[in-house]
Amino acid sequence: MPITIEVLHGDETGEELLVEALRVLDPEVVGIQLELSHHDLSLENRRATQNRVVIEASQAMRETGYGLKAATITPRGRGTWAAPMPSCAPRWGAR
């Protein structure tokens, strides 16, 4: 039975580093069957979903217990918008 790893994709440099990291997770390299479940956490998708994709990815990581995330830098300044976390965000310690 393969181990599922949630892969949280990002933007530009962070994404390039993630793609390189994923290369070493080849079953022939690590000796373990892995299933990769991909999530688009690019700034564009976080804006489009009002951060819902972040909540869905975090819930998936809680279920599988594993995640690999690209570095994400949200620019601040004129003309940028970072979606606030909605009130439906889970309480991290709650079970």
C-alpha atoms as a PDB file:
ATOM      1  CA  MET A   1       0.000   0.000   0.000  1.00  0.00           C
ATOM      2  CA  PRO A   2       1.567   3.315  -1.040  1.00  0.00           C
ATOM      3  CA  ILE A   3       2.136   6.214   1.343  1.00  0.00           C
ATOM      4  CA  THR A   4       0.281   9.360   0.262  1.00  0.00           C
ATOM      5  CA  ILE A   5       2.139  12.671   0.392  1.00  0.00           C
ATOM      6  CA  GLU A   6       0.257  15.905  -0.156  1.00  0.00           C
ATOM      7  CA  VAL A   7       2.334  18.107  -2.481  1.00  0.00           C
ATOM      8  CA  LEU A   8       1.653  21.827  -2.102  1.00  0.00           C
ATOM      9  CA  HIS A   9       2.796  23.674  -5.215  1.00  0.00           C
ATOM     10  CA  GLY A  10       3.689  27.363  -5.184  1.00  0.00           C
ATOM     11  CA  ASP A  11       5.123  30.034  -7.445  1.00  0.00           C
ATOM     12  CA  GLU A  12       8.353  30.567  -9.368  1.00  0.00           C
ATOM     13  CA  THR A  13      11.521  29.798  -7.379  1.00  0.00           C
ATOM     14  CA  GLY A  14       9.694  27.830  -4.709  1.00  0.00           C
ATOM     15  CA  GLU A  15       8.067  25.708  -7.391  1.00  0.00           C
ATOM     16  CA  GLU A  16      11.403  25.081  -9.092  1.00  0.00           C
ATOM     17  CA  LEU A  17      12.854  23.836  -5.801  1.00  0.00           C
ATOM     18  CA  LEU A  18       9.823  21.625  -5.170  1.00  0.00           C
ATOM     19  CA  VAL A  19      10.106  20.004  -8.598  1.00  0.00           C
ATOM     20  CA  GLU A  20      13.736  19.150  -7.828  1.00  0.00           C
ATOM     21  CA  ALA A  21      12.767  17.731  -4.423  1.00  0.00           C
ATOM     22  CA  LEU A  22      10.094  15.546  -6.045  1.00  0.00           C
ATOM     23  CA  ARG A  23      12.718  13.970  -8.292  1.00  0.00           C
ATOM     24  CA  VAL A  24      14.316  12.218  -5.311  1.00  0.00           C
ATOM     25  CA  LEU A  25      10.954  10.766  -4.217  1.00  0.00           C
ATOM     26  CA  ASP A  26      11.020   8.348  -7.125  1.00  0.00           C
ATOM     27  CA  PRO A  27      10.171   4.874  -5.746  1.00  0.00           C
ATOM     28  CA  GLU A  28      13.382   3.521  -7.280  1.00  0.00           C
ATOM     29  CA  VAL A  29      15.379   6.067  -5.268  1.00  0.00           C
ATOM     30  CA  VAL A  30      13.587   5.848  -1.893  1.00  0.00           C
ATOM     31  CA  GLY A  31      12.522   2.203  -2.081  1.00  0.00           C
ATOM     32  CA  ILE A  32       8.947   2.981  -0.987  1.00  0.00           C
ATOM     33  CA  GLN A  33       5.755   3.176  -3.043  1.00  0.00           C
ATOM     34  CA  LEU A  34       4.448   6.735  -2.852  1.00  0.00           C
ATOM     35  CA  GLU A  35       1.269   8.370  -4.079  1.00  0.00           C
ATOM     36  CA  LEU A  36       1.553  12.118  -4.622  1.00  0.00           C
ATOM     37  CA  SER A  37      -1.587  14.236  -4.278  1.00  0.00           C
ATOM     38  CA  HIS A  38      -1.045  17.705  -5.764  1.00  0.00           C
ATOM     39  CA  HIS A  39      -2.485  21.039  -4.569  1.00  0.00           C
ATOM     40  CA  ASP A  40      -2.039  24.392  -6.354  1.00  0.00           C
ATOM     41  CA  LEU A  41      -1.122  27.015  -3.731  1.00  0.00           C
ATOM     42  CA  SER A  42       0.049  29.586  -6.251  1.00  0.00           C
ATOM     43  CA  LEU A  43      -0.827  33.174  -5.437  1.00  0.00           C
ATOM     44  CA  GLU A  44      -3.240  33.218  -8.365  1.00  0.00           C
ATOM     45  CA  ASN A  45      -5.125  30.146  -7.106  1.00  0.00           C
ATOM     46  CA  ARG A  46      -5.127  31.309  -3.473  1.00  0.00           C
ATOM     47  CA  ARG A  47      -6.675  34.578  -4.629  1.00  0.00           C
ATOM     48  CA  ALA A  48      -9.183  32.837  -6.901  1.00  0.00           C
ATOM     49  CA  THR A  49     -10.337  30.522  -4.109  1.00  0.00           C
ATOM     50  CA  GLN A  50     -10.060  33.108  -1.319  1.00  0.00           C
ATOM     51  CA  ASN A  51      -7.546  30.760   0.339  1.00  0.00           C
ATOM     52  CA  ARG A  52      -9.955  27.811   0.315  1.00  0.00           C
ATOM     53  CA  VAL A  53      -7.264  25.749  -1.426  1.00  0.00           C
ATOM     54  CA  VAL A  54      -5.008  26.311   1.609  1.00  0.00           C
ATOM     55  CA  ILE A  55      -7.638  24.928   3.970  1.00  0.00           C
ATOM     56  CA  GLU A  56      -8.314  21.937   1.709  1.00  0.00           C
ATOM     57  CA  ALA A  57      -4.590  21.158   1.444  1.00  0.00           C
ATOM     58  CA  SER A  58      -4.103  21.429   5.199  1.00  0.00           C
ATOM     59  CA  GLN A  59      -7.061  19.115   5.809  1.00  0.00           C
ATOM     60  CA  ALA A  60      -5.584  16.607   3.363  1.00  0.00           C
ATOM     61  CA  MET A  61      -2.244  16.748   5.213  1.00  0.00           C
ATOM     62  CA  ARG A  62      -4.009  16.079   8.498  1.00  0.00           C
ATOM     63  CA  GLU A  63      -5.633  13.000   6.959  1.00  0.00           C
ATOM     64  CA  THR A  64      -2.483  11.548   5.369  1.00  0.00           C
ATOM     65  CA  GLY A  65       0.028  12.838   7.909  1.00  0.00           C
ATOM     66  CA  TYR A  66       2.506  13.872   5.205  1.00  0.00           C
ATOM     67  CA  GLY A  67       3.091  17.003   3.172  1.00  0.00           C
ATOM     68  CA  LEU A  68       5.755  18.635   1.055  1.00  0.00           C
ATOM     69  CA  LYS A  69       5.414  22.346   0.395  1.00  0.00           C
ATOM     70  CA  ALA A  70       7.051  24.731  -2.032  1.00  0.00           C
ATOM     71  CA  ALA A  71       8.333  27.957  -0.524  1.00  0.00           C
ATOM     72  CA  THR A  72       5.669  30.631  -0.943  1.00  0.00           C
ATOM     73  CA  ILE A  73       6.238  34.365  -0.740  1.00  0.00           C
ATOM     74  CA  THR A  74       3.154  36.548  -0.922  1.00  0.00           C
ATOM     75  CA  PRO A  75       4.178  40.008  -2.145  1.00  0.00           C
ATOM     76  CA  ARG A  76       2.827  42.993  -0.308  1.00  0.00           C
ATOM     77  CA  GLY A  77       2.524  46.452  -1.728  1.00  0.00           C
ATOM     78  CA  ARG A  78       0.587  48.489  -4.189  1.00  0.00           C
ATOM     79  CA  GLY A  79      -1.719  46.438  -6.364  1.00  0.00           C
ATOM     80  CA  THR A  80      -1.349  43.197  -4.430  1.00  0.00           C
ATOM     81  CA  TRP A  81      -3.978  41.389  -2.450  1.00  0.00           C
ATOM     82  CA  ALA A  82      -3.576  38.509  -0.085  1.00  0.00           C
ATOM     83  CA  ALA A  83      -6.845  36.821   0.801  1.00  0.00           C
ATOM     84  CA  PRO A  84      -7.494  36.724   4.547  1.00  0.00           C
ATOM     85  CA  MET A  85      -8.181  33.345   6.054  1.00  0.00           C
ATOM     86  CA  PRO A  86     -11.950  32.824   6.163  1.00  0.00           C
ATOM     87  CA  SER A  87     -13.721  32.253   9.442  1.00  0.00           C
ATOM     88  CA  CYS A  88     -14.277  28.615   8.450  1.00  0.00           C
ATOM     89  CA  ALA A  89     -10.572  27.874   8.983  1.00  0.00           C
ATOM     90  CA  PRO A  90     -10.116  24.847  11.250  1.00  0.00           C
ATOM     91  CA  ARG A  91      -8.749  25.231  14.750  1.00  0.00           C
ATOM     92  CA  TRP A  92      -5.405  23.494  14.483  1.00  0.00           C
ATOM     93  CA  GLY A  93      -5.401  21.888  17.912  1.00  0.00           C
ATOM     94  CA  ALA A  94      -9.052  20.758  17.810  1.00  0.00           C
ATOM     95  CA  ARG A  95      -9.872  17.121  17.129  1.00  0.00           C
END
